[in-house]
Amino acid sequence: MAKILYEVKQNQNEHNAAFGKWYAKIKSLETLNTRKLAQHISEHGSIYTPDVVYGVLEKFRSCLVEMLLNSKKVKIEGLGTFYCTIENQKKGALKKEDYNVREHIKGLHIRFLPEQTTEENISSREFLKKAEFVSIDSLMPKEDEGSSSAPSGNGGTTGGGTNSGSGTNTGGNTGGDNGGGEEGEPDEN
């Protein structure tokens, strides 16, 4: 079974209400670029070579951006829907006729809404049920064990474990930027 690695970190933002509290944060091992993802896909019993898969992924990427920039949503069955939202400046126009795109729009964001049908549900709650969590600390050798010993146990929780919340937009159109960081934690971007 696949495992989600996490580490527990303390909120160091003095201006945040959650200052000093501890939260789980995903510990990613690697970011797969398009070539590596194409290689991985082709190794799953595919009749297509990595170059063919890479070509399809690259075409998907360029077509996705093209469709989004033409005010279209793109739904990938079993995965979810990509769509755009506008982030407005906090100070809006006083009258409709005073609204100016260059002055009042702060950003244009690509959003993703996971599939939520019964068979293919990968919404936040269902994804959480399918995940097995392993603390990164449980993989580190203990000080008294020496550096040559193997990691002990998984030290994690299965099927959800503890959830401190998430700022990720997994449903609905917020019409603005929600920060994207974990609850109580400053955005790293």
Protein backbone atom coordinates (compact mmCIF):
# COMPACT_ATOMS: atom_id res chain seq x y z
CA MET A 1 0.00 0.00 0.00
CA ALA A 2 1.18 3.51 -0.76
CA LYS A 3 2.15 5.66 2.18
CA ILE A 4 1.85 9.40 2.82
CA LEU A 5 4.93 10.66 4.65
CA TYR A 6 4.43 13.54 7.04
CA GLU A 7 6.32 15.50 9.63
CA VAL A 8 4.93 17.45 12.55
CA LYS A 9 6.04 21.09 12.58
CA GLN A 10 5.39 23.98 14.91
CA ASN A 11 3.77 27.16 13.60
CA GLN A 12 6.44 29.86 13.90
CA ASN A 13 4.33 32.78 12.62
CA GLU A 14 3.89 35.13 15.60
CA HIS A 15 1.10 37.00 13.78
CA ASN A 16 -1.02 33.85 13.38
CA ALA A 17 -3.68 32.72 15.88
CA ALA A 18 -2.17 29.22 15.77
CA PHE A 19 1.33 30.40 16.74
CA GLY A 20 3.19 27.73 18.71
CA LYS A 21 0.79 24.91 17.82
CA TRP A 22 1.89 21.76 16.04
CA TYR A 23 0.57 20.54 12.66
CA ALA A 24 1.25 17.68 10.27
CA LYS A 25 2.79 18.62 6.94
CA ILE A 26 3.33 16.36 3.90
CA LYS A 27 6.95 15.39 3.35
CA SER A 28 7.36 14.85 -0.40
CA LEU A 29 10.18 12.61 -1.52
CA GLU A 30 10.32 13.81 -5.11
CA THR A 31 8.58 15.94 -7.70
CA LEU A 32 8.04 13.98 -10.90
CA ASN A 33 8.51 16.04 -14.03
CA THR A 34 6.63 15.15 -17.21
CA ARG A 35 9.41 12.83 -18.45
CA LYS A 36 9.52 10.88 -15.19
CA LEU A 37 5.73 10.61 -15.07
CA ALA A 38 5.70 9.38 -18.69
CA GLN A 39 8.34 6.76 -17.81
CA HIS A 40 6.27 5.65 -14.80
CA ILE A 41 3.06 5.38 -16.85
CA SER A 42 4.78 3.38 -19.58
CA GLU A 43 6.08 0.90 -16.96
CA HIS A 44 2.52 0.01 -15.91
CA GLY A 45 1.98 -2.59 -18.60
CA SER A 46 1.42 0.07 -21.25
CA ILE A 47 2.01 -0.67 -24.93
CA TYR A 48 3.15 2.93 -25.34
CA THR A 49 6.79 3.93 -25.04
CA PRO A 50 7.82 6.69 -22.62
CA ASP A 51 8.24 9.08 -25.60
CA VAL A 52 4.67 8.50 -26.79
CA VAL A 53 3.27 8.99 -23.27
CA TYR A 54 5.42 12.13 -22.86
CA GLY A 55 4.04 13.52 -26.13
CA VAL A 56 0.45 12.94 -25.01
CA LEU A 57 1.11 14.55 -21.61
CA GLU A 58 2.74 17.58 -23.22
CA LYS A 59 -0.19 17.96 -25.62
CA PHE A 60 -2.60 17.62 -22.68
CA ARG A 61 -0.78 20.38 -20.82
CA SER A 62 -0.82 22.83 -23.72
CA CYS A 63 -4.44 22.04 -24.62
CA LEU A 64 -5.54 22.36 -20.99
CA VAL A 65 -4.08 25.87 -20.78
CA GLU A 66 -5.62 26.76 -24.14
CA MET A 67 -9.09 25.60 -23.08
CA LEU A 68 -8.89 27.33 -19.68
CA LEU A 69 -7.87 30.59 -21.37
CA ASN A 70 -10.96 30.22 -23.57
CA SER A 71 -13.28 30.20 -20.52
CA LYS A 72 -13.82 26.44 -20.61
CA LYS A 73 -13.66 23.93 -17.77
CA VAL A 74 -11.82 20.67 -18.47
CA LYS A 75 -13.17 17.53 -16.80
CA ILE A 76 -11.01 14.41 -16.74
CA GLU A 77 -13.32 11.55 -15.78
CA GLY A 78 -12.08 9.73 -12.70
CA LEU A 79 -9.72 12.59 -11.79
CA GLY A 80 -11.61 15.88 -11.62
CA THR A 81 -12.23 19.25 -13.22
CA PHE A 82 -9.80 22.06 -13.94
CA TYR A 83 -11.23 25.58 -14.07
CA CYS A 84 -10.20 29.23 -13.58
CA THR A 85 -11.10 31.72 -10.89
CA ILE A 86 -10.42 35.45 -10.70
CA GLU A 87 -8.79 36.96 -7.64
CA ASN A 88 -9.98 40.54 -7.27
CA GLN A 89 -8.16 43.38 -5.52
CA LYS A 90 -9.61 43.93 -2.05
CA LYS A 91 -10.70 47.43 -3.00
CA GLY A 92 -13.34 46.88 -5.69
CA ALA A 93 -14.97 49.44 -7.97
CA LEU A 94 -17.69 51.60 -6.43
CA LYS A 95 -19.82 51.37 -9.60
CA LYS A 96 -20.04 48.74 -12.36
CA GLU A 97 -18.99 51.25 -15.04
CA ASP A 98 -15.85 52.11 -13.01
CA TYR A 99 -14.62 48.49 -13.03
CA ASN A 100 -11.29 48.18 -14.84
CA VAL A 101 -9.72 44.77 -15.48
CA ARG A 102 -6.13 46.05 -15.22
CA GLU A 103 -6.83 47.89 -11.97
CA HIS A 104 -9.20 45.53 -10.18
CA ILE A 105 -8.05 41.99 -11.08
CA LYS A 106 -5.17 40.79 -8.93
CA GLY A 107 -4.78 37.27 -10.35
CA LEU A 108 -6.15 34.50 -12.52
CA HIS A 109 -5.85 31.08 -10.91
CA ILE A 110 -6.15 27.52 -12.17
CA ARG A 111 -8.18 25.46 -9.73
CA PHE A 112 -8.86 21.75 -9.48
CA LEU A 113 -11.99 20.07 -8.14
CA PRO A 114 -11.42 16.33 -7.53
CA GLU A 115 -13.89 13.78 -8.91
CA GLN A 116 -16.68 13.19 -6.41
CA THR A 117 -18.87 10.56 -8.07
CA THR A 118 -19.46 7.42 -6.05
CA GLU A 119 -17.14 5.12 -8.00
CA GLU A 120 -14.28 7.54 -8.55
CA ASN A 121 -14.49 9.73 -5.45
CA ILE A 122 -11.12 11.33 -4.70
CA SER A 123 -12.54 14.23 -2.70
CA SER A 124 -10.59 15.29 0.37
CA ARG A 125 -12.59 13.09 2.77
CA GLU A 126 -12.46 9.97 0.60
CA PHE A 127 -8.77 10.50 -0.23
CA LEU A 128 -8.08 10.73 3.50
CA LYS A 129 -9.82 7.36 4.09
CA LYS A 130 -7.60 5.68 1.46
CA ALA A 131 -4.30 7.09 2.77
CA GLU A 132 -1.88 5.45 5.16
CA PHE A 133 0.22 7.98 7.06
CA VAL A 134 3.81 7.41 8.19
CA SER A 135 5.67 9.89 10.38
CA ILE A 136 9.02 10.85 8.88
CA ASP A 137 10.40 10.64 12.44
CA SER A 138 9.63 6.91 12.53
CA LEU A 139 11.96 6.41 9.55
CA MET A 140 14.91 8.14 11.19
CA PRO A 141 17.31 6.06 13.27
CA LYS A 142 17.06 6.69 17.00
CA GLU A 143 20.09 8.33 18.63
CA ASP A 144 20.80 5.32 20.86
CA GLU A 145 20.41 2.85 17.96
CA GLY A 146 23.25 4.28 15.88
CA SER A 147 23.14 5.30 12.25
CA SER A 148 23.39 1.79 10.77
CA SER A 149 20.08 0.47 12.06
CA ALA A 150 16.99 0.08 9.90
CA PRO A 151 13.87 2.19 10.40
CA SER A 152 11.46 0.81 12.95
CA GLY A 153 7.78 0.27 12.21
CA ASN A 154 5.61 2.69 10.33
CA GLY A 155 4.77 4.88 13.32
CA GLY A 156 1.78 6.17 11.46
CA THR A 157 -1.93 5.86 11.36
CA THR A 158 -3.97 4.15 8.71
CA GLY A 159 -7.22 5.30 7.20
CA GLY A 160 -7.16 8.91 8.15
CA GLY A 161 -5.32 9.29 11.43
CA THR A 162 -5.28 12.81 12.77
CA ASN A 163 -6.41 15.59 10.48
CA SER A 164 -5.60 19.16 11.48
CA GLY A 165 -7.43 20.59 8.48
CA SER A 166 -6.27 21.87 5.16
CA GLY A 167 -6.50 25.13 3.29
CA THR A 168 -6.62 23.39 -0.06
CA ASN A 169 -9.55 24.19 -2.31
CA THR A 170 -11.06 20.81 -3.07
CA GLY A 171 -14.58 21.91 -3.66
CA GLY A 172 -16.53 24.82 -4.96
CA ASN A 173 -15.51 28.08 -6.50
CA THR A 174 -14.11 30.38 -3.86
CA GLY A 175 -13.74 33.32 -6.22
CA GLY A 176 -10.44 34.19 -4.58
CA ASP A 177 -7.21 32.85 -3.26
CA ASN A 178 -7.53 30.79 -0.11
CA GLY A 179 -3.85 30.69 0.70
CA GLY A 180 -3.33 26.98 0.07
CA GLY A 181 -1.35 26.36 3.29
CA GLU A 182 -2.16 24.03 6.11
CA GLU A 183 -4.51 25.28 8.82
CA GLY A 184 -2.80 27.68 11.15
CA GLU A 185 0.31 27.73 9.04
CA PRO A 186 1.58 30.55 6.85
CA ASP A 187 1.62 30.00 3.10
CA GLU A 188 5.14 29.07 1.96
CA ASN A 189 4.70 30.50 -1.53
